Amino acid sequence: MPGEEHPLSEIPDEVHERIQALCAEGDALAEKGDPAAALRSFKAAFQLIPEPWLEYEATTWVCTAIGDMLFQLGEFSRARAALVDAVSAPGGLGNPFIHLRLGQCEFELGDLRRAGDELARAYMGADEELFADEDPKYLRFLKTLLKPRQDA
């Protein structure tokens, strides 16, 4: 039925296992500091997700990984597109890490209003801890928005 969520278990087992293996490979490559190679693994995993891909939980984590690698490569517009897909897939909305990366992309692309919205969602979902390993400019920017106004 259109609009129904398809749980990850509906992806055939052998395909699901291949997606997981490619993502594990991508994670290992990212850990070794090779986001370009990791991106190739994550993109290969994405190609295995059946249509309608926005209805599968796998889309959430694969698109998040793709967006993360693109962000690390400085490809902020492409990263934003992948992260918008991730936030639109099951379990994506409200995920602090997705909102963090999306906010960082918006910041780098100059949309400070949207950056503030997304970074605030990340902060509300995970607090300052999520920002600990990130460039401090993002948390500094967010704090300028969260600071109470002192007009008098």
N, C-alpha and C. Protein backbone atom coordinates (compact mmCIF):
# COMPACT_ATOMS: atom_id res chain seq x y z
N MET A 1 0.85 -1.18 0.00
CA MET A 1 0.00 0.00 0.00
C MET A 1 0.89 1.24 0.00
N PRO A 2 0.62 2.25 -0.84
CA PRO A 2 1.46 3.45 -0.89
C PRO A 2 1.49 4.15 0.46
N GLY A 3 2.69 4.67 0.79
CA GLY A 3 2.85 5.42 2.02
C GLY A 3 3.13 4.57 3.24
N GLU A 4 3.02 3.24 3.11
CA GLU A 4 3.33 2.37 4.24
C GLU A 4 4.84 2.24 4.38
N GLU A 5 5.29 2.16 5.62
CA GLU A 5 6.71 1.96 5.87
C GLU A 5 7.05 0.49 5.69
N HIS A 6 8.13 0.22 4.96
CA HIS A 6 8.61 -1.14 4.78
C HIS A 6 9.77 -1.34 5.75
N PRO A 7 9.63 -2.23 6.72
CA PRO A 7 10.74 -2.44 7.64
C PRO A 7 11.95 -3.01 6.92
N LEU A 8 13.11 -2.78 7.48
CA LEU A 8 14.35 -3.24 6.89
C LEU A 8 14.31 -4.73 6.61
N SER A 9 13.60 -5.49 7.41
CA SER A 9 13.55 -6.94 7.23
C SER A 9 12.92 -7.34 5.90
N GLU A 10 12.21 -6.42 5.25
CA GLU A 10 11.62 -6.75 3.95
C GLU A 10 12.65 -6.74 2.83
N ILE A 11 13.80 -6.16 3.08
CA ILE A 11 14.87 -6.26 2.10
C ILE A 11 15.37 -7.71 2.17
N PRO A 12 15.49 -8.39 1.04
CA PRO A 12 15.95 -9.78 1.08
C PRO A 12 17.24 -9.92 1.88
N ASP A 13 17.33 -11.01 2.63
CA ASP A 13 18.46 -11.22 3.54
C ASP A 13 19.82 -11.05 2.87
N GLU A 14 19.98 -11.64 1.70
CA GLU A 14 21.30 -11.57 1.04
C GLU A 14 21.63 -10.13 0.63
N VAL A 15 20.62 -9.36 0.25
CA VAL A 15 20.83 -7.95 -0.10
C VAL A 15 21.15 -7.15 1.16
N HIS A 16 20.39 -7.41 2.21
CA HIS A 16 20.62 -6.72 3.49
C HIS A 16 22.04 -6.98 3.99
N GLU A 17 22.48 -8.23 3.90
CA GLU A 17 23.84 -8.59 4.33
C GLU A 17 24.89 -7.87 3.48
N ARG A 18 24.64 -7.76 2.19
CA ARG A 18 25.59 -7.06 1.30
C ARG A 18 25.62 -5.56 1.65
N ILE A 19 24.46 -4.97 1.92
CA ILE A 19 24.41 -3.56 2.33
C ILE A 19 25.22 -3.37 3.60
N GLN A 20 25.02 -4.25 4.58
CA GLN A 20 25.76 -4.15 5.84
C GLN A 20 27.26 -4.31 5.63
N ALA A 21 27.65 -5.24 4.77
CA ALA A 21 29.08 -5.47 4.50
C ALA A 21 29.71 -4.24 3.84
N LEU A 22 29.01 -3.66 2.88
CA LEU A 22 29.53 -2.46 2.22
C LEU A 22 29.63 -1.29 3.19
N CYS A 23 28.66 -1.17 4.09
CA CYS A 23 28.70 -0.10 5.08
C CYS A 23 29.83 -0.33 6.09
N ALA A 24 30.07 -1.57 6.47
CA ALA A 24 31.18 -1.88 7.38
C ALA A 24 32.51 -1.53 6.70
N GLU A 25 32.60 -1.85 5.41
CA GLU A 25 33.79 -1.50 4.63
C GLU A 25 33.96 0.02 4.60
N GLY A 26 32.86 0.73 4.35
CA GLY A 26 32.90 2.19 4.32
C GLY A 26 33.31 2.77 5.66
N ASP A 27 32.77 2.20 6.74
CA ASP A 27 33.13 2.67 8.08
C ASP A 27 34.63 2.48 8.33
N ALA A 28 35.17 1.34 7.94
CA ALA A 28 36.59 1.06 8.14
C ALA A 28 37.45 2.04 7.33
N LEU A 29 37.05 2.31 6.11
CA LEU A 29 37.79 3.26 5.27
C LEU A 29 37.72 4.67 5.85
N ALA A 30 36.56 5.05 6.35
CA ALA A 30 36.41 6.37 6.97
C ALA A 30 37.29 6.47 8.21
N GLU A 31 37.32 5.40 8.99
CA GLU A 31 38.14 5.35 10.21
C GLU A 31 39.63 5.50 9.87
N LYS A 32 40.03 4.99 8.70
CA LYS A 32 41.43 5.09 8.26
C LYS A 32 41.72 6.45 7.63
N GLY A 33 40.71 7.32 7.55
CA GLY A 33 40.92 8.65 7.00
C GLY A 33 40.81 8.74 5.49
N ASP A 34 40.04 7.85 4.88
CA ASP A 34 39.85 7.87 3.43
C ASP A 34 38.37 8.05 3.10
N PRO A 35 37.85 9.28 3.28
CA PRO A 35 36.41 9.48 3.03
C PRO A 35 36.00 9.25 1.58
N ALA A 36 36.89 9.47 0.62
CA ALA A 36 36.53 9.25 -0.78
C ALA A 36 36.28 7.77 -1.05
N ALA A 37 37.15 6.90 -0.54
CA ALA A 37 36.95 5.46 -0.72
C ALA A 37 35.73 4.99 0.07
N ALA A 38 35.55 5.54 1.28
CA ALA A 38 34.38 5.19 2.09
C ALA A 38 33.10 5.57 1.35
N LEU A 39 33.11 6.73 0.74
CA LEU A 39 31.95 7.20 -0.02
C LEU A 39 31.58 6.21 -1.12
N ARG A 40 32.57 5.67 -1.81
CA ARG A 40 32.29 4.68 -2.86
C ARG A 40 31.58 3.46 -2.29
N SER A 41 32.01 3.01 -1.12
CA SER A 41 31.36 1.85 -0.49
C SER A 41 29.93 2.17 -0.10
N PHE A 42 29.72 3.35 0.49
CA PHE A 42 28.37 3.72 0.90
C PHE A 42 27.45 3.91 -0.30
N LYS A 43 27.98 4.47 -1.39
CA LYS A 43 27.16 4.62 -2.60
C LYS A 43 26.80 3.26 -3.18
N ALA A 44 27.73 2.32 -3.14
CA ALA A 44 27.44 0.96 -3.63
C ALA A 44 26.34 0.33 -2.77
N ALA A 45 26.39 0.57 -1.46
CA ALA A 45 25.35 0.05 -0.57
C ALA A 45 24.00 0.67 -0.91
N PHE A 46 24.00 1.97 -1.16
CA PHE A 46 22.74 2.65 -1.49
C PHE A 46 22.10 2.07 -2.74
N GLN A 47 22.92 1.73 -3.72
CA GLN A 47 22.40 1.18 -4.98
C GLN A 47 21.66 -0.14 -4.77
N LEU A 48 21.90 -0.80 -3.67
CA LEU A 48 21.25 -2.08 -3.39
C LEU A 48 19.89 -1.93 -2.69
N ILE A 49 19.59 -0.74 -2.19
CA ILE A 49 18.32 -0.53 -1.50
C ILE A 49 17.20 -0.49 -2.54
N PRO A 50 16.19 -1.34 -2.37
CA PRO A 50 15.12 -1.39 -3.37
C PRO A 50 14.23 -0.15 -3.36
N GLU A 51 13.53 0.05 -4.45
CA GLU A 51 12.52 1.10 -4.53
C GLU A 51 11.28 0.63 -3.76
N PRO A 52 10.54 1.50 -3.17
CA PRO A 52 10.79 2.93 -2.97
C PRO A 52 11.77 3.14 -1.81
N TRP A 53 12.99 3.54 -2.12
CA TRP A 53 14.07 3.56 -1.13
C TRP A 53 13.83 4.49 0.05
N LEU A 54 12.99 5.51 -0.09
CA LEU A 54 12.73 6.40 1.05
C LEU A 54 11.88 5.73 2.13
N GLU A 55 11.39 4.54 1.88
CA GLU A 55 10.56 3.85 2.86
C GLU A 55 11.32 2.82 3.69
N TYR A 56 12.62 2.71 3.47
CA TYR A 56 13.42 1.72 4.20
C TYR A 56 14.35 2.39 5.20
N GLU A 57 14.46 1.76 6.37
CA GLU A 57 15.38 2.26 7.39
C GLU A 57 16.82 2.28 6.89
N ALA A 58 17.17 1.36 6.03
CA ALA A 58 18.54 1.33 5.50
C ALA A 58 18.89 2.64 4.82
N THR A 59 17.91 3.27 4.20
CA THR A 59 18.16 4.55 3.54
C THR A 59 18.64 5.58 4.54
N THR A 60 18.08 5.56 5.74
CA THR A 60 18.45 6.53 6.76
C THR A 60 19.93 6.45 7.06
N TRP A 61 20.41 5.25 7.39
CA TRP A 61 21.81 5.17 7.78
C TRP A 61 22.77 5.21 6.61
N VAL A 62 22.39 4.72 5.45
CA VAL A 62 23.29 4.79 4.30
C VAL A 62 23.40 6.23 3.81
N CYS A 63 22.28 6.94 3.70
CA CYS A 63 22.33 8.34 3.26
C CYS A 63 23.04 9.23 4.29
N THR A 64 22.91 8.89 5.56
CA THR A 64 23.65 9.64 6.59
C THR A 64 25.15 9.46 6.39
N ALA A 65 25.57 8.24 6.13
CA ALA A 65 26.99 7.97 5.90
C ALA A 65 27.49 8.67 4.64
N ILE A 66 26.68 8.64 3.58
CA ILE A 66 27.05 9.34 2.34
C ILE A 66 27.19 10.84 2.62
N GLY A 67 26.20 11.41 3.30
CA GLY A 67 26.25 12.83 3.63
C GLY A 67 27.44 13.18 4.49
N ASP A 68 27.76 12.33 5.44
CA ASP A 68 28.91 12.56 6.32
C ASP A 68 30.21 12.57 5.51
N MET A 69 30.38 11.62 4.62
CA MET A 69 31.61 11.57 3.81
C MET A 69 31.70 12.78 2.88
N LEU A 70 30.58 13.14 2.25
CA LEU A 70 30.58 14.31 1.38
C LEU A 70 30.91 15.57 2.17
N PHE A 71 30.38 15.67 3.39
CA PHE A 71 30.70 16.81 4.26
C PHE A 71 32.21 16.84 4.52
N GLN A 72 32.77 15.69 4.87
CA GLN A 72 34.21 15.63 5.15
C GLN A 72 35.04 15.98 3.92
N LEU A 73 34.50 15.73 2.75
CA LEU A 73 35.20 16.07 1.50
C LEU A 73 34.95 17.51 1.07
N GLY A 74 34.15 18.25 1.84
CA GLY A 74 33.87 19.65 1.51
C GLY A 74 32.83 19.83 0.42
N GLU A 75 32.10 18.78 0.09
CA GLU A 75 31.06 18.86 -0.94
C GLU A 75 29.72 19.09 -0.24
N PHE A 76 29.55 20.32 0.24
CA PHE A 76 28.44 20.64 1.14
C PHE A 76 27.07 20.57 0.49
N SER A 77 26.95 20.96 -0.76
CA SER A 77 25.65 20.91 -1.43
C SER A 77 25.20 19.46 -1.64
N ARG A 78 26.11 18.63 -2.10
CA ARG A 78 25.79 17.21 -2.29
C ARG A 78 25.54 16.53 -0.95
N ALA A 79 26.30 16.92 0.07
CA ALA A 79 26.10 16.36 1.41
C ALA A 79 24.71 16.72 1.92
N ARG A 80 24.33 17.98 1.71
CA ARG A 80 23.00 18.42 2.16
C ARG A 80 21.91 17.58 1.50
N ALA A 81 22.03 17.32 0.20
CA ALA A 81 21.01 16.53 -0.51
C ALA A 81 20.90 15.12 0.09
N ALA A 82 22.03 14.49 0.38
CA ALA A 82 22.01 13.15 0.97
C ALA A 82 21.40 13.18 2.37
N LEU A 83 21.71 14.21 3.13
CA LEU A 83 21.20 14.31 4.50
C LEU A 83 19.71 14.64 4.53
N VAL A 84 19.23 15.38 3.54
CA VAL A 84 17.79 15.63 3.43
C VAL A 84 17.07 14.31 3.16
N ASP A 85 17.66 13.46 2.31
CA ASP A 85 17.09 12.13 2.10
C ASP A 85 17.10 11.33 3.40
N ALA A 86 18.19 11.40 4.14
CA ALA A 86 18.30 10.65 5.40
C ALA A 86 17.25 11.10 6.40
N VAL A 87 17.05 12.40 6.52
CA VAL A 87 16.08 12.92 7.49
C VAL A 87 14.65 12.62 7.05
N SER A 88 14.45 12.37 5.76
CA SER A 88 13.12 12.05 5.22
C SER A 88 12.78 10.57 5.32
N ALA A 89 13.77 9.74 5.55
CA ALA A 89 13.58 8.29 5.63
C ALA A 89 13.19 7.90 7.07
N PRO A 90 12.71 6.67 7.27
CA PRO A 90 12.27 6.24 8.60
C PRO A 90 13.35 6.42 9.67
N GLY A 91 12.97 7.08 10.76
CA GLY A 91 13.89 7.29 11.87
C GLY A 91 14.87 8.43 11.70
N GLY A 92 14.81 9.12 10.58
CA GLY A 92 15.77 10.19 10.33
C GLY A 92 15.44 11.49 11.03
N LEU A 93 14.17 11.85 11.02
CA LEU A 93 13.75 13.10 11.65
C LEU A 93 13.99 13.01 13.15
N GLY A 94 14.71 13.97 13.66
CA GLY A 94 15.02 13.99 15.09
C GLY A 94 16.34 13.33 15.44
N ASN A 95 17.01 12.70 14.48
CA ASN A 95 18.31 12.10 14.74
C ASN A 95 19.34 13.22 14.90
N PRO A 96 19.92 13.38 16.09
CA PRO A 96 20.81 14.51 16.34
C PRO A 96 21.99 14.60 15.37
N PHE A 97 22.60 13.46 15.03
CA PHE A 97 23.76 13.52 14.14
C PHE A 97 23.37 14.01 12.75
N ILE A 98 22.25 13.54 12.24
CA ILE A 98 21.80 13.99 10.91
C ILE A 98 21.56 15.49 10.95
N HIS A 99 20.90 15.98 12.00
CA HIS A 99 20.63 17.42 12.10
C HIS A 99 21.92 18.21 12.26
N LEU A 100 22.90 17.65 12.97
CA LEU A 100 24.20 18.31 13.11
C LEU A 100 24.84 18.50 11.74
N ARG A 101 24.98 17.41 10.99
CA ARG A 101 25.63 17.50 9.68
C ARG A 101 24.83 18.39 8.72
N LEU A 102 23.52 18.29 8.77
CA LEU A 102 22.69 19.14 7.91
C LEU A 102 22.90 20.60 8.27
N GLY A 103 22.93 20.91 9.56
CA GLY A 103 23.18 22.28 10.00
C GLY A 103 24.55 22.78 9.59
N GLN A 104 25.55 21.92 9.68
CA GLN A 104 26.90 22.30 9.27
C GLN A 104 26.94 22.59 7.77
N CYS A 105 26.25 21.77 6.98
CA CYS A 105 26.20 22.01 5.54
C CYS A 105 25.53 23.35 5.24
N GLU A 106 24.40 23.60 5.89
CA GLU A 106 23.70 24.88 5.68
C GLU A 106 24.60 26.05 6.08
N PHE A 107 25.31 25.91 7.17
CA PHE A 107 26.25 26.95 7.61
C PHE A 107 27.29 27.21 6.53
N GLU A 108 27.91 26.15 6.04
CA GLU A 108 28.96 26.29 5.02
C GLU A 108 28.42 26.83 3.71
N LEU A 109 27.15 26.58 3.43
CA LEU A 109 26.53 27.07 2.20
C LEU A 109 25.95 28.48 2.37
N GLY A 110 26.04 29.03 3.59
CA GLY A 110 25.62 30.40 3.83
C GLY A 110 24.18 30.60 4.22
N ASP A 111 23.42 29.53 4.42
CA ASP A 111 22.03 29.67 4.86
C ASP A 111 22.00 29.58 6.38
N LEU A 112 22.29 30.71 7.02
CA LEU A 112 22.46 30.72 8.47
C LEU A 112 21.15 30.49 9.22
N ARG A 113 20.02 30.87 8.64
CA ARG A 113 18.74 30.61 9.29
C ARG A 113 18.51 29.10 9.40
N ARG A 114 18.65 28.42 8.28
CA ARG A 114 18.46 26.96 8.29
C ARG A 114 19.55 26.27 9.10
N ALA A 115 20.76 26.79 9.04
CA ALA A 115 21.85 26.23 9.84
C ALA A 115 21.49 26.29 11.32
N GLY A 116 20.99 27.44 11.74
CA GLY A 116 20.60 27.60 13.14
C GLY A 116 19.50 26.64 13.54
N ASP A 117 18.51 26.47 12.68
CA ASP A 117 17.41 25.53 12.96
C ASP A 117 17.93 24.11 13.14
N GLU A 118 18.76 23.67 12.20
CA GLU A 118 19.26 22.29 12.24
C GLU A 118 20.22 22.07 13.40
N LEU A 119 21.11 23.02 13.63
CA LEU A 119 22.05 22.88 14.75
C LEU A 119 21.32 22.89 16.09
N ALA A 120 20.26 23.69 16.19
CA ALA A 120 19.46 23.70 17.42
C ALA A 120 18.78 22.35 17.63
N ARG A 121 18.28 21.74 16.56
CA ARG A 121 17.68 20.40 16.68
C ARG A 121 18.71 19.39 17.16
N ALA A 122 19.92 19.48 16.62
CA ALA A 122 20.99 18.58 17.05
C ALA A 122 21.30 18.79 18.52
N TYR A 123 21.41 20.03 18.91
CA TYR A 123 21.75 20.39 20.29
C TYR A 123 20.67 19.92 21.26
N MET A 124 19.42 20.13 20.88
CA MET A 124 18.31 19.72 21.75
C MET A 124 18.23 18.20 21.88
N GLY A 125 18.64 17.50 20.83
CA GLY A 125 18.59 16.04 20.86
C GLY A 125 19.76 15.38 21.56
N ALA A 126 20.90 16.10 21.65
CA ALA A 126 22.09 15.45 22.20
C ALA A 126 22.94 16.36 23.08
N ASP A 127 22.62 17.63 23.17
CA ASP A 127 23.38 18.58 23.99
C ASP A 127 24.76 18.84 23.38
N GLU A 128 25.62 19.51 24.14
CA GLU A 128 26.93 19.94 23.63
C GLU A 128 27.85 18.79 23.29
N GLU A 129 27.63 17.63 23.90
CA GLU A 129 28.51 16.49 23.68
C GLU A 129 28.65 16.14 22.20
N LEU A 130 27.58 16.27 21.46
CA LEU A 130 27.59 15.96 20.03
C LEU A 130 28.57 16.85 19.27
N PHE A 131 28.80 18.05 19.77
CA PHE A 131 29.65 19.02 19.10
C PHE A 131 31.13 18.88 19.50
N ALA A 132 31.43 18.00 20.44
CA ALA A 132 32.77 17.91 21.04
C ALA A 132 33.89 17.70 20.01
N ASP A 133 33.67 16.87 19.01
CA ASP A 133 34.72 16.57 18.04
C ASP A 133 34.59 17.39 16.76
N GLU A 134 33.72 18.39 16.77
CA GLU A 134 33.47 19.20 15.59
C GLU A 134 34.22 20.53 15.70
N ASP A 135 34.37 21.21 14.56
CA ASP A 135 34.95 22.55 14.58
C ASP A 135 34.14 23.41 15.54
N PRO A 136 34.79 24.10 16.47
CA PRO A 136 34.06 24.88 17.47
C PRO A 136 33.21 26.02 16.89
N LYS A 137 33.44 26.38 15.64
CA LYS A 137 32.68 27.49 15.05
C LYS A 137 31.18 27.20 15.01
N TYR A 138 30.81 25.92 14.88
CA TYR A 138 29.38 25.59 14.80
C TYR A 138 28.68 25.80 16.14
N LEU A 139 29.29 25.37 17.21
CA LEU A 139 28.70 25.57 18.53
C LEU A 139 28.72 27.04 18.91
N ARG A 140 29.80 27.75 18.57
CA ARG A 140 29.85 29.20 18.83
C ARG A 140 28.71 29.90 18.12
N PHE A 141 28.49 29.55 16.85
CA PHE A 141 27.40 30.14 16.08
C PHE A 141 26.06 29.84 16.75
N LEU A 142 25.84 28.60 17.12
CA LEU A 142 24.58 28.21 17.74
C LEU A 142 24.37 28.98 19.05
N LYS A 143 25.41 29.13 19.83
CA LYS A 143 25.27 29.83 21.11
C LYS A 143 24.89 31.29 20.92
N THR A 144 25.27 31.89 19.79
CA THR A 144 24.84 33.28 19.54
C THR A 144 23.34 33.34 19.32
N LEU A 145 22.77 32.26 18.84
CA LEU A 145 21.33 32.21 18.60
C LEU A 145 20.56 31.85 19.86
N LEU A 146 21.16 31.06 20.73
CA LEU A 146 20.47 30.59 21.92
C LEU A 146 20.62 31.54 23.10
N LYS A 147 21.57 32.47 22.99
CA LYS A 147 21.81 33.41 24.07
C LYS A 147 20.61 34.31 24.27
N PRO A 148 20.18 34.51 25.53
CA PRO A 148 19.05 35.42 25.76
C PRO A 148 19.41 36.84 25.36
N ARG A 149 18.44 37.52 24.79
CA ARG A 149 18.66 38.91 24.36
C ARG A 149 18.77 39.81 25.58
N GLN A 150 19.66 40.78 25.49
CA GLN A 150 19.84 41.75 26.57
C GLN A 150 19.67 43.14 25.97
N ASP A 151 18.42 43.50 25.76
CA ASP A 151 18.11 44.78 25.11
C ASP A 151 18.18 45.96 26.06
N ALA A 152 18.02 45.73 27.35
CA ALA A 152 17.95 46.85 28.27
C ALA A 152 19.23 47.07 29.01
